[in-house]
Amino acid sequence: STPLEYVMMHLRLREGFSLTEYRERYGTDFLEGRKEVISRLATAGLLTVAQDRLSLTERGFYVSNSILAEIL
């Protein structure tokens, strides 16, 4: 799968995705160039980055398409 498909598929799951697995698969750091927007979305309570995983919160699932548009 492409990086876009990987993120879209995995963010629809409660556990989200492993940042390490993303880096190993695609050779890039997912957070690179996205730290500001990720931080803003985390502060808004829409996603979390913890223990090497990025995942949507309960609130984030309701606006997942908007979040995907911002981080991809």
PDB file of N, CA and C in Angstrom:
ATOM      1  N   SER A   1       0.829  -1.199   0.000  1.00  0.00           N
ATOM      2  CA  SER A   1       0.000   0.000   0.000  1.00  0.00           C
ATOM      3  C   SER A   1       0.871   1.259   0.000  1.00  0.00           C
ATOM      4  N   THR A   2       0.314   2.333  -0.469  1.00  0.00           N
ATOM      5  CA  THR A   2       1.036   3.605  -0.480  1.00  0.00           C
ATOM      6  C   THR A   2       1.006   4.208   0.928  1.00  0.00           C
ATOM      7  N   PRO A   3       1.880   5.174   1.211  1.00  0.00           N
ATOM      8  CA  PRO A   3       1.837   5.824   2.527  1.00  0.00           C
ATOM      9  C   PRO A   3       0.455   6.422   2.823  1.00  0.00           C
ATOM     10  N   LEU A   4      -0.176   7.002   1.826  1.00  0.00           N
ATOM     11  CA  LEU A   4      -1.506   7.590   1.989  1.00  0.00           C
ATOM     12  C   LEU A   4      -2.527   6.529   2.390  1.00  0.00           C
ATOM     13  N   GLU A   5      -2.531   5.412   1.677  1.00  0.00           N
ATOM     14  CA  GLU A   5      -3.468   4.318   1.985  1.00  0.00           C
ATOM     15  C   GLU A   5      -3.206   3.746   3.374  1.00  0.00           C
ATOM     16  N   TYR A   6      -1.920   3.592   3.705  1.00  0.00           N
ATOM     17  CA  TYR A   6      -1.547   3.053   5.013  1.00  0.00           C
ATOM     18  C   TYR A   6      -2.133   3.914   6.138  1.00  0.00           C
ATOM     19  N   VAL A   7      -1.913   5.214   6.067  1.00  0.00           N
ATOM     20  CA  VAL A   7      -2.402   6.120   7.114  1.00  0.00           C
ATOM     21  C   VAL A   7      -3.928   6.120   7.149  1.00  0.00           C
ATOM     22  N   MET A   8      -4.560   6.199   5.995  1.00  0.00           N
ATOM     23  CA  MET A   8      -6.025   6.224   5.952  1.00  0.00           C
ATOM     24  C   MET A   8      -6.623   4.951   6.540  1.00  0.00           C
ATOM     25  N   MET A   9      -6.063   3.798   6.188  1.00  0.00           N
ATOM     26  CA  MET A   9      -6.593   2.530   6.701  1.00  0.00           C
ATOM     27  C   MET A   9      -6.372   2.407   8.205  1.00  0.00           C
ATOM     28  N   HIS A  10      -5.166   2.732   8.659  1.00  0.00           N
ATOM     29  CA  HIS A  10      -4.835   2.524  10.064  1.00  0.00           C
ATOM     30  C   HIS A  10      -5.481   3.542  11.004  1.00  0.00           C
ATOM     31  N   LEU A  11      -5.708   4.760  10.550  1.00  0.00           N
ATOM     32  CA  LEU A  11      -6.355   5.732  11.437  1.00  0.00           C
ATOM     33  C   LEU A  11      -7.836   5.434  11.621  1.00  0.00           C
ATOM     34  N   ARG A  12      -8.373   4.577  10.802  1.00  0.00           N
ATOM     35  CA  ARG A  12      -9.765   4.168  10.997  1.00  0.00           C
ATOM     36  C   ARG A  12      -9.883   3.090  12.088  1.00  0.00           C
ATOM     37  N   LEU A  13      -8.729   2.572  12.516  1.00  0.00           N
ATOM     38  CA  LEU A  13      -8.686   1.590  13.598  1.00  0.00           C
ATOM     39  C   LEU A  13      -8.415   2.309  14.911  1.00  0.00           C
ATOM     40  N   ARG A  14      -8.978   1.807  15.982  1.00  0.00           N
ATOM     41  CA  ARG A  14      -8.810   2.433  17.298  1.00  0.00           C
ATOM     42  C   ARG A  14      -7.339   2.558  17.689  1.00  0.00           C
ATOM     43  N   GLU A  15      -6.529   1.543  17.347  1.00  0.00           N
ATOM     44  CA  GLU A  15      -5.125   1.578  17.764  1.00  0.00           C
ATOM     45  C   GLU A  15      -4.238   2.458  16.886  1.00  0.00           C
ATOM     46  N   GLY A  16      -4.777   2.960  15.776  1.00  0.00           N
ATOM     47  CA  GLY A  16      -3.979   3.835  14.919  1.00  0.00           C
ATOM     48  C   GLY A  16      -2.832   3.093  14.262  1.00  0.00           C
ATOM     49  N   PHE A  17      -1.658   3.754  14.190  1.00  0.00           N
ATOM     50  CA  PHE A  17      -0.512   3.086  13.564  1.00  0.00           C
ATOM     51  C   PHE A  17       0.788   3.403  14.289  1.00  0.00           C
ATOM     52  N   SER A  18       1.744   2.512  14.104  1.00  0.00           N
ATOM     53  CA  SER A  18       3.065   2.633  14.700  1.00  0.00           C
ATOM     54  C   SER A  18       3.921   3.562  13.844  1.00  0.00           C
ATOM     55  N   LEU A  19       4.501   4.569  14.489  1.00  0.00           N
ATOM     56  CA  LEU A  19       5.381   5.495  13.772  1.00  0.00           C
ATOM     57  C   LEU A  19       6.650   4.779  13.306  1.00  0.00           C
ATOM     58  N   THR A  20       7.111   3.811  14.097  1.00  0.00           N
ATOM     59  CA  THR A  20       8.290   3.034  13.715  1.00  0.00           C
ATOM     60  C   THR A  20       7.986   2.175  12.489  1.00  0.00           C
ATOM     61  N   GLU A  21       6.835   1.518  12.486  1.00  0.00           N
ATOM     62  CA  GLU A  21       6.468   0.685  11.333  1.00  0.00           C
ATOM     63  C   GLU A  21       6.340   1.545  10.072  1.00  0.00           C
ATOM     64  N   TYR A  22       5.756   2.722  10.201  1.00  0.00           N
ATOM     65  CA  TYR A  22       5.631   3.634   9.057  1.00  0.00           C
ATOM     66  C   TYR A  22       7.022   3.976   8.512  1.00  0.00           C
ATOM     67  N   ARG A  23       7.948   4.326   9.423  1.00  0.00           N
ATOM     68  CA  ARG A  23       9.309   4.692   9.009  1.00  0.00           C
ATOM     69  C   ARG A  23      10.005   3.507   8.337  1.00  0.00           C
ATOM     70  N   GLU A  24       9.823   2.293   8.878  1.00  0.00           N
ATOM     71  CA  GLU A  24      10.456   1.115   8.292  1.00  0.00           C
ATOM     72  C   GLU A  24       9.878   0.793   6.917  1.00  0.00           C
ATOM     73  N   ARG A  25       8.580   0.975   6.748  1.00  0.00           N
ATOM     74  CA  ARG A  25       7.934   0.681   5.463  1.00  0.00           C
ATOM     75  C   ARG A  25       8.284   1.691   4.379  1.00  0.00           C
ATOM     76  N   TYR A  26       8.266   2.983   4.746  1.00  0.00           N
ATOM     77  CA  TYR A  26       8.352   4.034   3.728  1.00  0.00           C
ATOM     78  C   TYR A  26       9.628   4.859   3.775  1.00  0.00           C
ATOM     79  N   GLY A  27      10.481   4.615   4.761  1.00  0.00           N
ATOM     80  CA  GLY A  27      11.773   5.291   4.814  1.00  0.00           C
ATOM     81  C   GLY A  27      11.716   6.753   5.196  1.00  0.00           C
ATOM     82  N   THR A  28      10.587   7.191   5.746  1.00  0.00           N
ATOM     83  CA  THR A  28      10.465   8.583   6.185  1.00  0.00           C
ATOM     84  C   THR A  28       9.775   8.639   7.545  1.00  0.00           C
ATOM     85  N   ASP A  29      10.036   9.711   8.247  1.00  0.00           N
ATOM     86  CA  ASP A  29       9.418   9.943   9.550  1.00  0.00           C
ATOM     87  C   ASP A  29       8.071  10.625   9.303  1.00  0.00           C
ATOM     88  N   PHE A  30       6.984   9.982   9.721  1.00  0.00           N
ATOM     89  CA  PHE A  30       5.658  10.544   9.477  1.00  0.00           C
ATOM     90  C   PHE A  30       5.502  11.929  10.102  1.00  0.00           C
ATOM     91  N   LEU A  31       6.106  12.148  11.262  1.00  0.00           N
ATOM     92  CA  LEU A  31       5.943  13.428  11.959  1.00  0.00           C
ATOM     93  C   LEU A  31       6.714  14.574  11.307  1.00  0.00           C
ATOM     94  N   GLU A  32       7.745  14.236  10.539  1.00  0.00           N
ATOM     95  CA  GLU A  32       8.566  15.254   9.871  1.00  0.00           C
ATOM     96  C   GLU A  32       7.695  16.176   9.023  1.00  0.00           C
ATOM     97  N   GLY A  33       7.771  17.461   9.309  1.00  0.00           N
ATOM     98  CA  GLY A  33       6.992  18.434   8.552  1.00  0.00           C
ATOM     99  C   GLY A  33       5.525  18.515   8.966  1.00  0.00           C
ATOM    100  N   ARG A  34       5.143  17.691   9.950  1.00  0.00           N
ATOM    101  CA  ARG A  34       3.747  17.682  10.390  1.00  0.00           C
ATOM    102  C   ARG A  34       3.614  17.977  11.884  1.00  0.00           C
ATOM    103  N   LYS A  35       4.734  18.257  12.541  1.00  0.00           N
ATOM    104  CA  LYS A  35       4.716  18.396  14.006  1.00  0.00           C
ATOM    105  C   LYS A  35       3.747  19.469  14.483  1.00  0.00           C
ATOM    106  N   GLU A  36       3.706  20.606  13.786  1.00  0.00           N
ATOM    107  CA  GLU A  36       2.809  21.700  14.201  1.00  0.00           C
ATOM    108  C   GLU A  36       1.346  21.293  14.131  1.00  0.00           C
ATOM    109  N   VAL A  37       0.929  20.735  13.006  1.00  0.00           N
ATOM    110  CA  VAL A  37      -0.470  20.352  12.837  1.00  0.00           C
ATOM    111  C   VAL A  37      -0.834  19.198  13.773  1.00  0.00           C
ATOM    112  N   ILE A  38       0.080  18.241  13.956  1.00  0.00           N
ATOM    113  CA  ILE A  38      -0.166  17.124  14.872  1.00  0.00           C
ATOM    114  C   ILE A  38      -0.330  17.665  16.301  1.00  0.00           C
ATOM    115  N   SER A  39       0.532  18.581  16.678  1.00  0.00           N
ATOM    116  CA  SER A  39       0.464  19.178  18.013  1.00  0.00           C
ATOM    117  C   SER A  39      -0.860  19.912  18.217  1.00  0.00           C
ATOM    118  N   ARG A  40      -1.281  20.661  17.212  1.00  0.00           N
ATOM    119  CA  ARG A  40      -2.536  21.406  17.291  1.00  0.00           C
ATOM    120  C   ARG A  40      -3.733  20.461  17.424  1.00  0.00           C
ATOM    121  N   LEU A  41      -3.733  19.384  16.642  1.00  0.00           N
ATOM    122  CA  LEU A  41      -4.826  18.415  16.697  1.00  0.00           C
ATOM    123  C   LEU A  41      -4.832  17.649  18.025  1.00  0.00           C
ATOM    124  N   ALA A  42      -3.633  17.379  18.559  1.00  0.00           N
ATOM    125  CA  ALA A  42      -3.541  16.699  19.861  1.00  0.00           C
ATOM    126  C   ALA A  42      -4.052  17.624  20.968  1.00  0.00           C
ATOM    127  N   THR A  43      -3.670  18.892  20.921  1.00  0.00           N
ATOM    128  CA  THR A  43      -4.133  19.865  21.910  1.00  0.00           C
ATOM    129  C   THR A  43      -5.650  20.018  21.854  1.00  0.00           C
ATOM    130  N   ALA A  44      -6.209  19.896  20.652  1.00  0.00           N
ATOM    131  CA  ALA A  44      -7.664  19.994  20.476  1.00  0.00           C
ATOM    132  C   ALA A  44      -8.378  18.710  20.905  1.00  0.00           C
ATOM    133  N   GLY A  45      -7.603  17.691  21.297  1.00  0.00           N
ATOM    134  CA  GLY A  45      -8.198  16.437  21.762  1.00  0.00           C
ATOM    135  C   GLY A  45      -8.705  15.537  20.660  1.00  0.00           C
ATOM    136  N   LEU A  46      -8.137  15.677  19.447  1.00  0.00           N
ATOM    137  CA  LEU A  46      -8.607  14.899  18.303  1.00  0.00           C
ATOM    138  C   LEU A  46      -7.721  13.700  17.973  1.00  0.00           C
ATOM    139  N   LEU A  47      -6.457  13.758  18.388  1.00  0.00           N
ATOM    140  CA  LEU A  47      -5.576  12.615  18.179  1.00  0.00           C
ATOM    141  C   LEU A  47      -4.544  12.565  19.285  1.00  0.00           C
ATOM    142  N   THR A  48      -3.883  11.425  19.388  1.00  0.00           N
ATOM    143  CA  THR A  48      -2.823  11.267  20.377  1.00  0.00           C
ATOM    144  C   THR A  48      -1.600  10.645  19.716  1.00  0.00           C
ATOM    145  N   VAL A  49      -0.445  11.016  20.234  1.00  0.00           N
ATOM    146  CA  VAL A  49       0.809  10.376  19.860  1.00  0.00           C
ATOM    147  C   VAL A  49       1.398   9.901  21.180  1.00  0.00           C
ATOM    148  N   ALA A  50       1.398   8.583  21.372  1.00  0.00           N
ATOM    149  CA  ALA A  50       1.899   8.016  22.619  1.00  0.00           C
ATOM    150  C   ALA A  50       2.445   6.627  22.365  1.00  0.00           C
ATOM    151  N   GLN A  51       3.549   6.304  23.036  1.00  0.00           N
ATOM    152  CA  GLN A  51       4.172   4.985  22.911  1.00  0.00           C
ATOM    153  C   GLN A  51       4.321   4.568  21.448  1.00  0.00           C
ATOM    154  N   ASP A  52       4.867   5.475  20.643  1.00  0.00           N
ATOM    155  CA  ASP A  52       5.168   5.199  19.234  1.00  0.00           C
ATOM    156  C   ASP A  52       3.936   5.022  18.352  1.00  0.00           C
ATOM    157  N   ARG A  53       2.757   5.374  18.842  1.00  0.00           N
ATOM    158  CA  ARG A  53       1.550   5.215  18.028  1.00  0.00           C
ATOM    159  C   ARG A  53       0.849   6.546  17.842  1.00  0.00           C
ATOM    160  N   LEU A  54       0.330   6.760  16.644  1.00  0.00           N
ATOM    161  CA  LEU A  54      -0.527   7.902  16.376  1.00  0.00           C
ATOM    162  C   LEU A  54      -1.930   7.332  16.185  1.00  0.00           C
ATOM    163  N   SER A  55      -2.884   7.855  16.931  1.00  0.00           N
ATOM    164  CA  SER A  55      -4.257   7.363  16.821  1.00  0.00           C
ATOM    165  C   SER A  55      -5.237   8.497  17.065  1.00  0.00           C
ATOM    166  N   LEU A  56      -6.432   8.312  16.559  1.00  0.00           N
ATOM    167  CA  LEU A  56      -7.489   9.284  16.761  1.00  0.00           C
ATOM    168  C   LEU A  56      -8.147   9.044  18.114  1.00  0.00           C
ATOM    169  N   THR A  57      -8.611  10.114  18.722  1.00  0.00           N
ATOM    170  CA  THR A  57      -9.386   9.989  19.953  1.00  0.00           C
ATOM    171  C   THR A  57     -10.837   9.712  19.563  1.00  0.00           C
ATOM    172  N   GLU A  58     -11.657   9.490  20.563  1.00  0.00           N
ATOM    173  CA  GLU A  58     -13.089   9.289  20.325  1.00  0.00           C
ATOM    174  C   GLU A  58     -13.654  10.474  19.529  1.00  0.00           C
ATOM    175  N   ARG A  59     -13.328  11.689  19.952  1.00  0.00           N
ATOM    176  CA  ARG A  59     -13.785  12.899  19.236  1.00  0.00           C
ATOM    177  C   ARG A  59     -13.207  12.959  17.829  1.00  0.00           C
ATOM    178  N   GLY A  60     -11.952  12.517  17.695  1.00  0.00           N
ATOM    179  CA  GLY A  60     -11.289  12.554  16.394  1.00  0.00           C
ATOM    180  C   GLY A  60     -11.958  11.677  15.355  1.00  0.00           C
ATOM    181  N   PHE A  61     -12.541  10.555  15.795  1.00  0.00           N
ATOM    182  CA  PHE A  61     -13.217   9.663  14.844  1.00  0.00           C
ATOM    183  C   PHE A  61     -14.369  10.376  14.137  1.00  0.00           C
ATOM    184  N   TYR A  62     -15.044  11.277  14.836  1.00  0.00           N
ATOM    185  CA  TYR A  62     -16.188  11.981  14.246  1.00  0.00           C
ATOM    186  C   TYR A  62     -15.784  12.956  13.147  1.00  0.00           C
ATOM    187  N   VAL A  63     -14.542  13.406  13.190  1.00  0.00           N
ATOM    188  CA  VAL A  63     -14.067  14.357  12.175  1.00  0.00           C
ATOM    189  C   VAL A  63     -12.829  13.803  11.460  1.00  0.00           C
ATOM    190  N   SER A  64     -12.778  12.479  11.333  1.00  0.00           N
ATOM    191  CA  SER A  64     -11.585  11.838  10.784  1.00  0.00           C
ATOM    192  C   SER A  64     -11.248  12.307   9.365  1.00  0.00           C
ATOM    193  N   ASN A  65     -12.229  12.565   8.546  1.00  0.00           N
ATOM    194  CA  ASN A  65     -11.918  13.026   7.180  1.00  0.00           C
ATOM    195  C   ASN A  65     -11.221  14.377   7.197  1.00  0.00           C
ATOM    196  N   SER A  66     -11.650  15.263   8.073  1.00  0.00           N
ATOM    197  CA  SER A  66     -11.002  16.577   8.201  1.00  0.00           C
ATOM    198  C   SER A  66      -9.569  16.419   8.699  1.00  0.00           C
ATOM    199  N   ILE A  67      -9.371  15.536   9.659  1.00  0.00           N
ATOM    200  CA  ILE A  67      -8.035  15.298  10.196  1.00  0.00           C
ATOM    201  C   ILE A  67      -7.129  14.737   9.118  1.00  0.00           C
ATOM    202  N   LEU A  68      -7.611  13.754   8.375  1.00  0.00           N
ATOM    203  CA  LEU A  68      -6.810  13.177   7.291  1.00  0.00           C
ATOM    204  C   LEU A  68      -6.430  14.236   6.270  1.00  0.00           C
ATOM    205  N   ALA A  69      -7.355  15.118   5.940  1.00  0.00           N
ATOM    206  CA  ALA A  69      -7.060  16.184   4.980  1.00  0.00           C
ATOM    207  C   ALA A  69      -5.951  17.098   5.496  1.00  0.00           C
ATOM    208  N   GLU A  70      -5.898  17.306   6.795  1.00  0.00           N
ATOM    209  CA  GLU A  70      -4.876  18.179   7.366  1.00  0.00           C
ATOM    210  C   GLU A  70      -3.507  17.537   7.464  1.00  0.00           C
ATOM    211  N   ILE A  71      -3.458  16.246   7.768  1.00  0.00           N
ATOM    212  CA  ILE A  71      -2.145  15.624   8.012  1.00  0.00           C
ATOM    213  C   ILE A  71      -1.569  14.919   6.791  1.00  0.00           C
ATOM    214  N   LEU A  72      -2.332  14.762   5.743  1.00  0.00           N
ATOM    215  CA  LEU A  72      -1.794  14.080   4.558  1.00  0.00           C
ATOM    216  C   LEU A  72      -1.451  15.034   3.440  1.00  0.00           C
TER     217      LEU A  72
END
